[in-house]
N, C-alpha and C. Protein backbone atom coordinates (compact mmCIF):
# COMPACT_ATOMS: atom_id res chain seq x y z
N MET A 1 -53.47 -17.68 -1.87
CA MET A 1 -54.68 -18.15 -1.58
C MET A 1 -54.25 -18.73 0.13
N SER A 2 -55.07 -18.18 0.91
CA SER A 2 -55.39 -18.68 2.26
C SER A 2 -56.33 -19.39 2.46
N PHE A 3 -55.98 -20.48 3.54
CA PHE A 3 -57.29 -21.16 4.05
C PHE A 3 -57.80 -20.76 5.59
N ILE A 4 -58.72 -20.48 5.97
CA ILE A 4 -58.88 -20.29 7.52
C ILE A 4 -60.12 -21.22 7.53
N ARG A 5 -59.91 -22.27 8.73
CA ARG A 5 -60.98 -22.64 9.18
C ARG A 5 -61.22 -22.53 10.79
N ASN A 6 -62.70 -22.26 10.83
CA ASN A 6 -62.97 -22.14 12.27
C ASN A 6 -62.93 -23.34 13.24
N ALA A 7 -62.70 -23.55 14.34
CA ALA A 7 -62.73 -24.89 15.34
C ALA A 7 -64.12 -25.29 15.42
N ASN A 8 -64.61 -26.43 15.04
CA ASN A 8 -65.34 -27.30 14.94
C ASN A 8 -66.27 -27.09 16.52
N PRO A 9 -67.45 -26.38 16.50
CA PRO A 9 -68.00 -26.22 17.97
C PRO A 9 -68.52 -27.05 18.15
N ASN A 10 -68.80 -28.16 17.89
CA ASN A 10 -69.73 -29.60 18.25
C ASN A 10 -68.55 -30.73 17.92
N ALA A 11 -67.29 -30.56 18.44
CA ALA A 11 -66.26 -31.06 18.47
C ALA A 11 -66.49 -32.67 19.13
N THR A 12 -66.29 -33.73 18.72
CA THR A 12 -66.23 -34.76 19.57
C THR A 12 -65.25 -35.10 20.59
N ASN A 13 -65.22 -36.28 21.46
CA ASN A 13 -64.50 -36.30 22.43
C ASN A 13 -63.22 -36.58 21.91
N SER A 14 -62.99 -37.61 21.01
CA SER A 14 -61.70 -37.71 20.38
C SER A 14 -60.78 -36.37 19.60
N GLU A 15 -61.68 -35.52 19.29
CA GLU A 15 -61.36 -34.45 18.83
C GLU A 15 -60.57 -33.39 20.34
N LEU A 16 -61.53 -33.31 20.80
CA LEU A 16 -60.86 -32.53 21.96
C LEU A 16 -59.90 -33.56 22.87
N GLU A 17 -59.82 -34.49 22.81
CA GLU A 17 -58.90 -35.23 23.36
C GLU A 17 -57.53 -34.95 22.62
N ALA A 18 -57.51 -35.10 21.47
CA ALA A 18 -56.40 -34.90 20.74
C ALA A 18 -55.31 -33.58 20.99
N LYS A 19 -56.33 -32.64 21.24
CA LYS A 19 -56.05 -31.22 21.71
C LYS A 19 -55.17 -31.24 22.92
N VAL A 20 -55.74 -32.29 24.04
CA VAL A 20 -54.87 -32.09 25.40
C VAL A 20 -53.54 -32.35 25.37
N ILE A 21 -52.56 -31.67 25.88
CA ILE A 21 -51.16 -31.75 26.13
C ILE A 21 -51.01 -32.50 27.63
N LYS A 22 -50.29 -33.73 27.21
CA LYS A 22 -50.16 -34.42 28.48
C LYS A 22 -48.98 -34.03 29.06
N PRO A 23 -48.94 -34.05 30.23
CA PRO A 23 -47.40 -33.78 31.08
C PRO A 23 -46.60 -34.93 30.76
N PHE A 24 -45.44 -34.59 31.19
CA PHE A 24 -44.33 -35.51 31.19
C PHE A 24 -44.25 -36.68 32.37
N VAL A 25 -44.47 -37.83 32.21
CA VAL A 25 -44.85 -38.82 32.87
C VAL A 25 -42.93 -39.36 33.88
N GLN A 26 -43.30 -39.47 34.95
CA GLN A 26 -41.77 -39.57 35.51
C GLN A 26 -41.92 -41.37 35.76
N LEU A 27 -41.27 -41.97 34.96
CA LEU A 27 -41.36 -43.45 35.47
C LEU A 27 -40.75 -44.07 36.31
N THR A 28 -40.96 -45.07 37.23
CA THR A 28 -39.93 -45.84 37.98
C THR A 28 -39.13 -46.34 37.11
N ASN A 29 -38.22 -47.19 37.83
CA ASN A 29 -36.99 -47.89 36.87
C ASN A 29 -37.64 -49.02 36.26
N GLU A 30 -38.85 -49.46 37.29
CA GLU A 30 -39.36 -50.71 36.51
C GLU A 30 -40.09 -50.36 35.46
N GLN A 31 -40.85 -49.21 35.41
CA GLN A 31 -41.92 -49.06 34.42
C GLN A 31 -41.08 -48.31 33.25
N ARG A 32 -40.01 -48.07 33.20
CA ARG A 32 -38.52 -47.37 32.30
C ARG A 32 -38.47 -48.94 31.66
N ASN A 33 -37.80 -49.73 32.36
CA ASN A 33 -37.36 -50.78 31.88
C ASN A 33 -38.60 -51.76 30.96
N GLU A 34 -39.68 -51.51 31.62
CA GLU A 34 -40.86 -52.57 30.79
C GLU A 34 -41.10 -51.39 29.40
N LEU A 35 -40.97 -50.14 29.35
CA LEU A 35 -41.26 -49.71 28.58
C LEU A 35 -40.28 -50.02 27.19
N ILE A 36 -38.93 -49.94 27.72
CA ILE A 36 -37.90 -49.84 26.61
C ILE A 36 -38.07 -51.49 26.37
N GLN A 37 -38.28 -52.43 27.07
CA GLN A 37 -38.45 -53.67 26.70
C GLN A 37 -39.77 -53.88 25.26
N GLN A 38 -40.58 -53.29 25.49
CA GLN A 38 -41.90 -53.28 24.58
C GLN A 38 -41.22 -52.54 23.44
N PHE A 39 -40.65 -51.80 23.19
CA PHE A 39 -40.44 -50.48 22.43
C PHE A 39 -39.26 -51.54 21.58
N VAL A 40 -38.25 -52.19 22.33
CA VAL A 40 -37.34 -52.91 21.56
C VAL A 40 -37.95 -54.01 21.15
N GLU A 41 -38.92 -54.84 21.54
CA GLU A 41 -39.80 -55.72 21.01
C GLU A 41 -40.62 -55.51 19.69
N LEU A 42 -41.08 -54.36 19.65
CA LEU A 42 -41.77 -53.62 18.54
C LEU A 42 -40.65 -53.51 17.32
N GLN A 43 -39.28 -52.91 17.80
CA GLN A 43 -38.42 -52.26 16.77
C GLN A 43 -38.07 -54.06 15.85
N VAL A 44 -37.81 -54.90 16.69
CA VAL A 44 -37.14 -56.15 16.39
C VAL A 44 -38.24 -56.70 15.69
N ASP A 45 -39.72 -56.60 16.11
CA ASP A 45 -40.44 -57.44 15.29
C ASP A 45 -40.69 -56.84 14.11
N ASN A 46 -40.27 -55.54 13.77
CA ASN A 46 -40.63 -54.89 12.66
C ASN A 46 -39.25 -55.00 11.33
N MET A 47 -38.19 -55.77 11.70
CA MET A 47 -36.86 -55.86 11.28
C MET A 47 -36.93 -57.07 10.26
N ASP A 48 -36.24 -57.13 8.90
CA ASP A 48 -36.16 -58.49 8.44
C ASP A 48 -34.57 -58.91 8.94
N TRP A 49 -34.72 -60.21 8.32
CA TRP A 49 -33.60 -61.07 9.16
C TRP A 49 -32.25 -60.21 8.66
N LYS A 50 -32.24 -59.74 7.39
CA LYS A 50 -30.71 -59.25 6.89
C LYS A 50 -30.53 -57.56 7.93
N THR A 51 -31.76 -57.07 7.98
CA THR A 51 -31.26 -55.96 9.03
C THR A 51 -31.00 -56.35 10.54
N LEU A 52 -31.78 -57.03 10.80
CA LEU A 52 -31.35 -57.77 12.10
C LEU A 52 -30.04 -58.30 12.13
N ALA A 53 -29.73 -58.90 11.33
CA ALA A 53 -28.28 -59.35 11.42
C ALA A 53 -27.33 -58.25 11.47
N GLN A 54 -27.23 -57.58 10.28
CA GLN A 54 -26.19 -56.25 10.43
C GLN A 54 -26.46 -55.73 11.82
N TRP A 55 -27.77 -55.34 12.48
CA TRP A 55 -27.29 -54.76 13.86
C TRP A 55 -26.77 -55.67 14.81
N VAL A 56 -27.35 -56.90 14.57
CA VAL A 56 -26.29 -57.77 15.82
C VAL A 56 -25.07 -57.60 15.46
N THR A 57 -24.24 -57.78 14.49
CA THR A 57 -22.96 -57.60 14.06
C THR A 57 -22.30 -56.43 14.47
N GLU A 58 -22.93 -55.06 14.35
CA GLU A 58 -22.44 -53.69 14.47
C GLU A 58 -22.60 -53.75 16.25
N GLU A 59 -23.49 -54.47 16.70
CA GLU A 59 -23.25 -54.17 18.34
C GLU A 59 -22.66 -55.24 18.87
N MET A 60 -21.96 -56.58 18.45
CA MET A 60 -21.18 -57.44 19.10
C MET A 60 -19.79 -56.82 18.75
N THR A 61 -19.81 -56.15 17.51
CA THR A 61 -18.33 -55.39 17.12
C THR A 61 -18.21 -54.38 18.13
N ASP A 62 -18.95 -53.17 18.18
CA ASP A 62 -18.70 -52.32 19.08
C ASP A 62 -18.68 -52.79 20.80
N ASN A 63 -19.30 -53.89 21.21
CA ASN A 63 -18.93 -54.45 22.46
C ASN A 63 -17.76 -55.18 22.61
N PHE A 64 -17.16 -55.79 21.70
CA PHE A 64 -15.70 -56.43 21.67
C PHE A 64 -14.85 -55.32 21.86
N GLU A 65 -15.07 -54.42 21.07
CA GLU A 65 -13.83 -53.02 20.94
C GLU A 65 -13.97 -52.40 21.83
N LYS A 66 -15.14 -52.12 23.00
CA LYS A 66 -15.18 -51.15 23.58
C LYS A 66 -14.79 -51.53 25.03
N ASN A 67 -15.54 -53.09 25.18
CA ASN A 67 -15.62 -53.94 26.33
C ASN A 67 -14.44 -54.90 26.68
N TYR A 68 -13.96 -55.35 25.57
CA TYR A 68 -12.79 -56.10 25.85
C TYR A 68 -11.18 -55.76 25.97
N ASN A 69 -10.23 -56.14 26.72
CA ASN A 69 -8.90 -56.06 26.35
C ASN A 69 -8.55 -57.02 25.71
N ASP A 70 -7.01 -57.21 25.10
CA ASP A 70 -6.58 -58.34 24.20
C ASP A 70 -6.74 -59.82 24.92
N VAL A 71 -6.62 -59.85 26.13
CA VAL A 71 -6.49 -60.66 27.11
C VAL A 71 -7.78 -61.38 26.99
N GLU A 72 -9.05 -60.65 27.33
CA GLU A 72 -10.19 -61.09 27.51
C GLU A 72 -10.82 -61.36 26.21
N LEU A 73 -10.59 -60.61 25.17
CA LEU A 73 -10.83 -61.20 23.56
C LEU A 73 -10.34 -62.50 23.56
N LYS A 74 -9.08 -62.92 23.51
CA LYS A 74 -8.66 -64.07 23.40
C LYS A 74 -9.36 -65.31 23.99
N GLU A 75 -9.38 -64.62 25.34
CA GLU A 75 -10.46 -65.90 26.17
C GLU A 75 -11.81 -66.08 25.67
N GLU A 76 -12.37 -65.22 25.33
CA GLU A 76 -13.72 -64.92 24.93
C GLU A 76 -13.75 -65.97 23.61
N ILE A 77 -12.89 -65.69 22.62
CA ILE A 77 -12.59 -66.42 21.29
C ILE A 77 -12.53 -67.82 21.51
N LYS A 78 -11.61 -68.29 22.57
CA LYS A 78 -11.23 -69.51 23.15
C LYS A 78 -12.46 -70.22 23.73
N ARG A 79 -13.34 -69.63 24.54
CA ARG A 79 -14.44 -70.03 24.64
C ARG A 79 -15.28 -70.59 23.77
N TYR A 80 -15.69 -69.65 22.72
CA TYR A 80 -16.24 -70.19 21.74
C TYR A 80 -15.67 -71.47 21.13
N ASP A 81 -14.43 -71.54 20.63
CA ASP A 81 -13.78 -72.54 20.14
C ASP A 81 -12.17 -72.68 20.56
N GLU A 82 -11.85 -73.72 21.02
CA GLU A 82 -10.30 -73.45 21.71
C GLU A 82 -9.49 -73.45 20.65
N GLU A 83 -9.30 -73.45 19.27
CA GLU A 83 -8.47 -73.65 18.08
C GLU A 83 -8.89 -72.17 17.75
N LEU A 84 -9.63 -71.64 17.46
CA LEU A 84 -10.14 -70.36 16.64
C LEU A 84 -9.66 -69.09 17.02
N TYR A 85 -9.02 -69.00 18.16
CA TYR A 85 -8.34 -67.65 18.02
C TYR A 85 -6.98 -67.68 17.75
N ASP A 86 -6.22 -68.91 17.64
CA ASP A 86 -4.77 -68.90 16.54
C ASP A 86 -4.85 -68.93 15.18
N GLU A 87 -6.13 -69.44 14.50
CA GLU A 87 -6.65 -69.33 13.42
C GLU A 87 -6.91 -68.13 12.86
N LEU A 88 -7.65 -67.22 13.75
CA LEU A 88 -8.18 -66.04 13.18
C LEU A 88 -6.83 -64.94 13.29
N VAL A 89 -5.95 -65.16 14.64
CA VAL A 89 -4.85 -64.30 14.58
C VAL A 89 -3.98 -64.73 12.90
N ASP A 90 -3.72 -65.72 13.01
CA ASP A 90 -2.91 -66.17 11.60
C ASP A 90 -3.79 -65.34 10.29
N ASN A 91 -4.97 -65.43 10.44
CA ASN A 91 -5.79 -64.88 9.03
C ASN A 91 -5.13 -63.54 9.20
N VAL A 92 -5.05 -62.63 10.51
CA VAL A 92 -4.86 -61.35 10.10
C VAL A 92 -3.53 -60.81 10.24
N THR A 93 -2.76 -61.88 10.30
CA THR A 93 -1.28 -61.47 10.39
C THR A 93 -0.30 -62.06 9.02
N ASN A 94 -1.06 -63.15 8.58
CA ASN A 94 -0.26 -63.73 7.39
C ASN A 94 -0.53 -63.34 5.98
N GLU A 95 0.16 -62.73 5.35
CA GLU A 95 -0.11 -61.95 4.08
C GLU A 95 -0.47 -62.88 3.18
N THR A 96 -0.01 -64.53 3.52
CA THR A 96 -0.44 -65.48 2.60
C THR A 96 -1.56 -65.80 2.03
N VAL A 97 -2.44 -65.30 3.27
CA VAL A 97 -4.02 -65.61 3.43
C VAL A 97 -4.75 -65.08 2.13
N LEU A 98 -5.46 -65.72 1.57
CA LEU A 98 -6.30 -65.06 0.58
C LEU A 98 -6.58 -63.75 0.59
N ASP A 99 -6.29 -62.42 -0.27
CA ASP A 99 -6.17 -61.07 -0.12
C ASP A 99 -7.67 -60.97 -1.13
N THR A 100 -8.52 -61.21 -0.60
CA THR A 100 -9.90 -60.78 -1.42
C THR A 100 -10.17 -59.37 -2.01
N ASN A 101 -9.60 -58.76 -1.12
CA ASN A 101 -9.63 -56.96 -1.32
C ASN A 101 -8.39 -56.42 -2.12
N ASN A 102 -7.57 -57.24 -2.59
CA ASN A 102 -6.52 -57.13 -3.00
C ASN A 102 -5.65 -55.50 -2.42
N THR A 103 -5.52 -55.65 -1.21
CA THR A 103 -4.88 -54.95 -0.11
C THR A 103 -3.63 -55.08 0.09
N GLY A 104 -2.96 -56.24 -0.32
CA GLY A 104 -1.76 -56.85 -0.17
C GLY A 104 -1.52 -57.33 1.63
N GLY A 105 -2.56 -58.03 1.75
CA GLY A 105 -2.69 -58.45 3.15
C GLY A 105 -2.92 -57.42 4.11
N LYS A 106 -3.01 -56.30 3.99
CA LYS A 106 -3.40 -55.23 4.92
C LYS A 106 -4.92 -55.12 5.00
N PHE A 107 -5.15 -55.07 6.57
CA PHE A 107 -6.92 -54.54 6.69
C PHE A 107 -7.21 -53.19 6.93
């Protein structure tokens, strides 16, 4: 079974406009930045809090892994809380820390 339909000879403007192929628009840096800002706002507005928290966690982790050496990471953690770095290092190096994954203290 095949279906053939001829074009509407009395097409409305909206039907005609839907058929127009728009050329690629070269944006200025300012226009591109504004486009990105608007798109990001739409995406964030449509995220629930769990999705948003997961995304932020992944982005922050990726940022620390790629952009911080060990000294910079230590400085950043100490800026957050002066004693936190030593506590976190102890957590990841001390096998007596609670092993919730039953991995023998290995991560």
